[in-house]
Every structure is written in structure tokens, then in C-alpha cells.
Amino acid sequence: MDKGKIFRDLHASTFVMPNPWDVGTTKLLASFGFKALATTSAGFAFSRGLPDGAVTFEAMIHHCREVTVSADLERGKGDSAEQAAETIFAAEAAGLAGCSIEDHTGDLEYPIYEFSHAVERVAAAAEAARALKHDFVFTARAENFLWGKTDLDDTIKRLQAFEKAGADVLYAPGLSDIDAVRTVCSAVSKPVNVMARPGFTVADLAAAGVKRVSLGPWLTNFAFGMLETAAREIQQDGTFGFTRSAMPFGKLQALFRGGGTEQD
């Protein structure tokens, strides 16, 4: 079974790819029948008590071996085109069917790679993906909207160049409205990934041309939000009403024994 080919074929229609942050959340989401899961760089960092971007590449690759089909590998092993290619080889060696690489530099002063360098990195990564023995889905990310550069024209220019350079899937996280999503999808021919946000629905995104919907850190943020709510109730009210919404202990036991599903 070539899981890379299976993963690629999913992009023929619209599907949702949630982002767990550890083994337990991976098993829980898999029990709901999602066809693919991907890491969340921010979610994994938060689960380790670190800010987004602070996890080393080696720690992220170890995490990938444990949990997912695809991975958010941020800027990869480093800044150069050669390191972008090495990132693909490392991802495949970790058992992944795909991964994404960003044009975010990791430098807050100059957060986005210069255009030609960003394209060179994508081209090198795409060439590495094609050289692998098994199918591998490489996603190229244009990060403008996450770093204060809300320039749709430049974002589309980058995605079009990434497509021409050989990327399999295109992704511009942070798009805030369906019109922008529709514009991006109509500007490229490769499958487009969009991050879910309030106000979006799967049906609306599919109608706009999106093939893959990911959650990014939303599930992690939600879990931390619920923990914050519980802690505030305990500290301020001295009550434990949050326990009524907790997932039952027995259901978790059954899930992690391998015998549970969401219907239990």
C-alpha cells in the first residue's frame, strides 16, 4: 500500500484533515474516521510548553513518527534550498505521506523569504519529493497573511510560482473570507488547502474550490480554552461543573485499548 498515493487521491474531492498534537489526540480523531491527519506545529509546541516556532526540527520529526500522515514542518531544516530538499527526505524517512514547507523565515523582523529564494526552496523540495521511491504529497505554504502582510496579489503570485516549481498542494493560511479563498482557488490549478476559521463551512469551502481543509492549532487552542475555563471555575467559584462536559473515563479507556469509537 502506497499511502502517499492514497493521500494524493484524497485531493480529488474536498476533505477535512484535523491536526492532533500527541498520540492520544491522534487516536481519538482517527476513531471518528477522518481520512488523514496532520501535525500542528503550534499545537505540538504548546503541548510542550513552548511558543510556536520553538520546537527543533529533530523533535518535530520524532513527533511525526508517532502520529500522522502529513506534517507541518515550518521552514524545514533551514533556510537554503538544499535544506528544503533535505526536509523532504527526512519527512519520508519518518514515514510521512506528505508535508508542508513555509516561506516564513522565523525572523520576526524579516518574516517572509524574498520571492525568488522562496521559489528556489519550493523547487528543491518538489524535486526531492519526485525522487522518492513512494508517492509523497508536498505542500507549499505562502505565509503572508499570518505575518501582517495581507497582500492577496503577492500571495497569489507566490502560490502560482510554487505551483510552477512543482508543489502538489498550495496553502495560504490566514485567508479570512470566502471571496479571498475563491480568488486563490481560481488562480491556480493544483489543490488548495485552507485553514478553518469561524464563519467557514465545509460546504462553502468546497463550493469555492478548496480540496483540503485543515484545522491548524484550533483544536489545541480549544482544548486549552476548556482547561482555562475549568481552572477559572475551580479558582473563582469553588465548583466543578465542568466535569459534566468531560469525556467519560471508560470511553477513553476503551479507545486506548483499541476497541472504542465515537459511537461508544
Protein backbone atom coordinates (compact mmCIF):
# COMPACT_ATOMS: atom_id res chain seq x y z
CA MET A 1 0.00 0.00 0.00
CA ASP A 2 1.42 3.36 -1.08
CA LYS A 3 -0.04 5.72 1.49
CA GLY A 4 1.34 8.67 -0.43
CA LYS A 5 -0.79 7.68 -3.42
CA ILE A 6 -3.83 7.22 -1.15
CA PHE A 7 -3.21 10.64 0.38
CA ARG A 8 -2.83 12.23 -3.05
CA ASP A 9 -6.09 10.66 -4.25
CA LEU A 10 -7.99 12.23 -1.35
CA HIS A 11 -7.42 15.60 -3.02
CA ALA A 12 -9.79 14.69 -5.84
CA SER A 13 -12.65 15.91 -3.63
CA THR A 14 -12.97 18.09 -0.54
CA PHE A 15 -11.92 16.52 2.77
CA VAL A 16 -11.15 17.72 6.29
CA MET A 17 -7.73 16.95 7.78
CA PRO A 18 -7.68 17.70 11.55
CA ASN A 19 -4.47 18.40 13.42
CA PRO A 20 -3.79 16.38 16.61
CA TRP A 21 -0.91 17.29 18.87
CA ASP A 22 0.00 13.98 20.52
CA VAL A 23 -0.63 10.24 20.31
CA GLY A 24 -3.84 10.34 22.36
CA THR A 25 -5.48 13.05 20.27
CA THR A 26 -4.37 11.24 17.12
CA LYS A 27 -6.12 8.07 18.22
CA LEU A 28 -9.24 9.97 19.22
CA LEU A 29 -9.52 11.81 15.89
CA ALA A 30 -8.74 8.64 13.93
CA SER A 31 -11.64 6.91 15.70
CA PHE A 32 -14.02 9.37 14.02
CA GLY A 33 -12.99 8.14 10.59
CA PHE A 34 -11.07 11.15 9.32
CA LYS A 35 -9.17 10.01 6.25
CA ALA A 36 -5.97 11.92 7.03
CA LEU A 37 -4.39 13.74 9.97
CA ALA A 38 -1.56 16.25 10.09
CA THR A 39 0.64 17.73 12.77
CA THR A 40 0.16 21.25 14.06
CA SER A 41 3.47 22.97 14.72
CA ALA A 42 1.84 25.42 17.13
CA GLY A 43 -0.26 22.76 18.86
CA PHE A 44 2.72 20.50 19.42
CA ALA A 45 4.80 23.41 20.69
CA PHE A 46 2.04 24.46 23.11
CA SER A 47 1.74 20.88 24.39
CA ARG A 48 5.45 21.05 25.22
CA GLY A 49 5.11 24.39 26.97
CA LEU A 50 6.86 26.22 24.13
CA PRO A 51 5.81 29.02 21.77
CA ASP A 52 5.15 28.26 18.12
CA GLY A 53 8.41 28.03 16.21
CA ALA A 54 10.50 26.95 19.22
CA VAL A 55 10.41 23.18 18.57
CA THR A 56 13.59 21.85 16.99
CA PHE A 57 13.39 20.06 13.65
CA GLU A 58 14.62 16.84 15.25
CA ALA A 59 11.91 16.95 17.93
CA MET A 60 9.25 17.60 15.30
CA ILE A 61 10.40 14.68 13.15
CA HIS A 62 10.29 12.40 16.19
CA HIS A 63 6.75 13.62 16.85
CA CYS A 64 5.84 12.87 13.21
CA ARG A 65 6.95 9.26 13.57
CA GLU A 66 4.36 8.86 16.31
CA VAL A 67 1.24 10.42 14.95
CA THR A 68 0.40 11.47 11.41
CA VAL A 69 0.06 11.15 7.65
CA SER A 70 1.24 14.68 6.85
CA ALA A 71 3.21 17.25 8.81
CA ASP A 72 3.63 20.97 9.15
CA LEU A 73 7.42 21.22 9.13
CA GLU A 74 7.56 25.03 9.23
CA ARG A 75 10.65 26.21 7.32
CA GLY A 76 12.19 22.74 7.44
CA LYS A 77 15.81 22.02 8.26
CA GLY A 78 16.98 25.53 7.43
CA ASP A 79 16.97 28.48 5.06
CA SER A 80 18.68 27.08 1.97
CA ALA A 81 17.14 25.28 -0.97
CA GLU A 82 19.34 22.30 -0.16
CA GLN A 83 17.93 22.16 3.36
CA ALA A 84 14.41 22.32 1.96
CA ALA A 85 15.21 19.21 -0.07
CA GLU A 86 16.74 17.52 2.98
CA THR A 87 13.49 18.22 4.83
CA ILE A 88 11.57 16.11 2.31
CA PHE A 89 13.99 13.20 2.67
CA ALA A 90 13.72 13.39 6.48
CA ALA A 91 9.92 13.51 6.30
CA GLU A 92 9.78 10.44 4.07
CA ALA A 93 12.20 8.59 6.37
CA ALA A 94 9.87 9.36 9.29
CA GLY A 95 7.07 7.51 7.48
CA LEU A 96 5.07 10.52 6.35
CA ALA A 97 2.96 10.58 3.19
CA GLY A 98 3.39 14.32 2.81
CA CYS A 99 4.50 17.54 4.45
CA SER A 100 4.36 21.29 4.09
CA ILE A 101 7.17 23.85 4.00
CA GLU A 102 6.63 27.58 4.58
CA ASP A 103 8.08 30.77 3.15
CA HIS A 104 8.23 32.16 6.73
CA THR A 105 11.83 32.78 7.74
CA GLY A 106 11.48 32.51 11.50
CA ASP A 107 12.87 36.06 11.74
CA LEU A 108 10.28 38.47 13.16
CA GLU A 109 12.00 41.46 11.56
CA TYR A 110 12.01 39.90 8.07
CA PRO A 111 9.31 37.21 8.34
CA ILE A 112 8.89 36.22 4.67
CA TYR A 113 11.59 34.90 2.34
CA GLU A 114 12.39 37.03 -0.68
CA PHE A 115 10.31 35.83 -3.63
CA SER A 116 12.99 34.17 -5.76
CA HIS A 117 14.54 32.42 -2.78
CA ALA A 118 11.15 31.13 -1.64
CA VAL A 119 10.55 29.69 -5.11
CA GLU A 120 14.01 28.08 -5.18
CA ARG A 121 13.23 26.36 -1.89
CA VAL A 122 9.93 25.02 -3.23
CA ALA A 123 11.57 23.82 -6.44
CA ALA A 124 14.26 21.94 -4.49
CA ALA A 125 11.68 20.36 -2.18
CA ALA A 126 9.48 19.36 -5.12
CA GLU A 127 12.43 17.78 -6.91
CA ALA A 128 13.29 15.83 -3.77
CA ALA A 129 9.70 14.62 -3.45
CA ARG A 130 9.71 13.36 -7.05
CA ALA A 131 12.95 11.48 -6.39
CA LEU A 132 11.42 9.37 -3.61
CA LYS A 133 10.57 5.73 -4.16
CA HIS A 134 6.98 6.19 -2.98
CA ASP A 135 4.45 8.89 -3.76
CA PHE A 136 4.77 11.92 -1.50
CA VAL A 137 2.46 14.96 -1.36
CA PHE A 138 4.41 18.19 -0.97
CA THR A 139 2.50 21.30 0.14
CA ALA A 140 3.99 24.77 -0.36
CA ARG A 141 2.77 27.49 2.01
CA ALA A 142 2.62 31.25 1.44
CA GLU A 143 2.60 32.77 4.92
CA ASN A 144 1.92 36.44 4.19
CA PHE A 145 -1.43 36.65 5.97
CA LEU A 146 -0.07 35.15 9.20
CA TRP A 147 2.70 37.75 9.43
CA GLY A 148 0.93 41.02 8.81
CA LYS A 149 1.32 41.18 5.02
CA THR A 150 -2.32 40.99 3.91
CA ASP A 151 -1.40 41.27 0.25
CA LEU A 152 -3.58 38.87 -1.73
CA ASP A 153 -1.89 39.69 -5.05
CA ASP A 154 1.56 38.83 -3.72
CA THR A 155 0.21 35.71 -2.05
CA ILE A 156 -1.32 34.52 -5.33
CA LYS A 157 1.90 35.37 -7.19
CA ARG A 158 3.79 33.16 -4.75
CA LEU A 159 1.30 30.30 -4.95
CA GLN A 160 1.35 30.39 -8.76
CA ALA A 161 5.15 30.30 -8.71
CA PHE A 162 5.12 27.46 -6.18
CA GLU A 163 2.75 25.53 -8.44
CA LYS A 164 5.03 26.07 -11.44
CA ALA A 165 8.01 24.96 -9.30
CA GLY A 166 6.33 21.60 -8.68
CA ALA A 167 4.35 21.79 -5.43
CA ASP A 168 1.47 19.29 -5.23
CA VAL A 169 -0.79 21.31 -2.90
CA LEU A 170 -0.91 25.07 -2.27
CA TYR A 171 -1.72 26.71 1.04
CA ALA A 172 -2.07 30.31 2.19
CA PRO A 173 -3.06 30.14 5.87
CA GLY A 174 -4.92 33.11 7.30
CA LEU A 175 -7.34 33.84 4.47
CA SER A 176 -10.26 35.44 6.27
CA ASP A 177 -13.19 35.36 3.87
CA ILE A 178 -14.71 33.11 1.22
CA ASP A 179 -14.17 35.65 -1.55
CA ALA A 180 -10.41 35.57 -0.95
CA VAL A 181 -10.49 31.77 -0.82
CA ARG A 182 -12.41 31.63 -4.09
CA THR A 183 -9.95 34.03 -5.73
CA VAL A 184 -6.99 31.90 -4.67
CA CYS A 185 -8.58 28.67 -5.86
CA SER A 186 -9.44 30.17 -9.25
CA ALA A 187 -5.88 31.47 -9.70
CA VAL A 188 -4.18 28.04 -9.51
CA SER A 189 -4.84 24.56 -10.85
CA LYS A 190 -3.31 22.44 -8.06
CA PRO A 191 -5.38 21.50 -4.97
CA VAL A 192 -5.69 24.26 -2.38
CA ASN A 193 -5.63 23.74 1.39
CA VAL A 194 -7.44 26.27 3.58
CA MET A 195 -7.34 26.61 7.36
CA ALA A 196 -10.75 26.53 9.03
CA ARG A 197 -11.93 29.64 10.82
CA PRO A 198 -15.19 30.92 12.34
CA GLY A 199 -17.76 31.54 9.63
CA PHE A 200 -16.39 28.95 7.20
CA THR A 201 -18.25 25.73 6.48
CA VAL A 202 -17.04 22.67 4.62
CA ALA A 203 -19.81 23.15 2.06
CA ASP A 204 -18.87 26.78 1.41
CA LEU A 205 -15.18 25.95 1.09
CA ALA A 206 -15.91 23.09 -1.30
CA ALA A 207 -18.06 25.41 -3.43
CA ALA A 208 -15.17 27.90 -3.50
CA GLY A 209 -12.85 25.22 -4.91
CA VAL A 210 -11.00 24.08 -1.79
CA LYS A 211 -9.86 20.45 -1.77
CA ARG A 212 -8.37 20.17 1.72
CA VAL A 213 -9.47 21.82 4.97
CA SER A 214 -7.08 21.74 7.92
CA LEU A 215 -7.58 22.95 11.48
CA GLY A 216 -4.09 24.21 12.29
CA PRO A 217 -3.90 24.91 16.05
CA TRP A 218 -7.68 25.37 16.51
CA LEU A 219 -8.28 22.06 18.29
CA THR A 220 -5.30 22.64 20.57
CA ASN A 221 -6.48 26.17 21.30
CA PHE A 222 -9.97 24.86 22.04
CA ALA A 223 -8.61 22.24 24.48
CA PHE A 224 -6.52 24.86 26.28
CA GLY A 225 -9.55 27.15 26.34
CA MET A 226 -11.64 24.48 28.04
CA LEU A 227 -8.86 23.85 30.56
CA GLU A 228 -8.70 27.59 31.25
CA THR A 229 -12.47 27.67 31.80
CA ALA A 230 -12.29 24.73 34.21
CA ALA A 231 -9.39 26.25 36.13
CA ARG A 232 -11.21 29.58 36.43
CA GLU A 233 -14.37 27.85 37.73
CA ILE A 234 -12.38 25.99 40.38
CA GLN A 235 -10.39 29.03 41.43
CA GLN A 236 -13.17 31.62 41.38
CA ASP A 237 -16.31 29.63 42.23
CA GLY A 238 -15.02 26.58 44.05
CA THR A 239 -17.25 24.37 41.88
CA PHE A 240 -16.63 21.54 39.43
CA GLY A 241 -19.44 21.87 36.92
CA PHE A 242 -17.00 21.46 34.04
CA THR A 243 -16.81 17.74 34.84
CA ARG A 244 -20.28 17.29 33.28
CA SER A 245 -18.74 18.02 29.87
CA ALA A 246 -15.71 15.80 30.33
CA MET A 247 -15.21 12.78 28.09
CA PRO A 248 -16.06 9.70 30.20
CA PHE A 249 -13.13 7.83 31.69
CA GLY A 250 -14.45 4.49 30.44
CA LYS A 251 -14.75 5.78 26.89
CA LEU A 252 -11.13 6.88 26.91
CA GLN A 253 -10.07 3.55 28.39
CA ALA A 254 -11.89 1.70 25.62
CA LEU A 255 -10.43 3.93 22.93
CA PHE A 256 -6.87 3.47 24.07
CA ARG A 257 -7.33 -0.29 24.43
CA GLY A 258 -8.11 -0.24 20.71
CA GLY A 259 -11.79 -1.13 20.99
CA GLY A 260 -13.58 2.22 21.14
CA THR A 261 -15.15 4.54 18.58
CA GLU A 262 -17.03 7.79 18.83
CA GLN A 263 -20.32 5.86 18.92
CA ASP A 264 -19.49 4.09 22.21
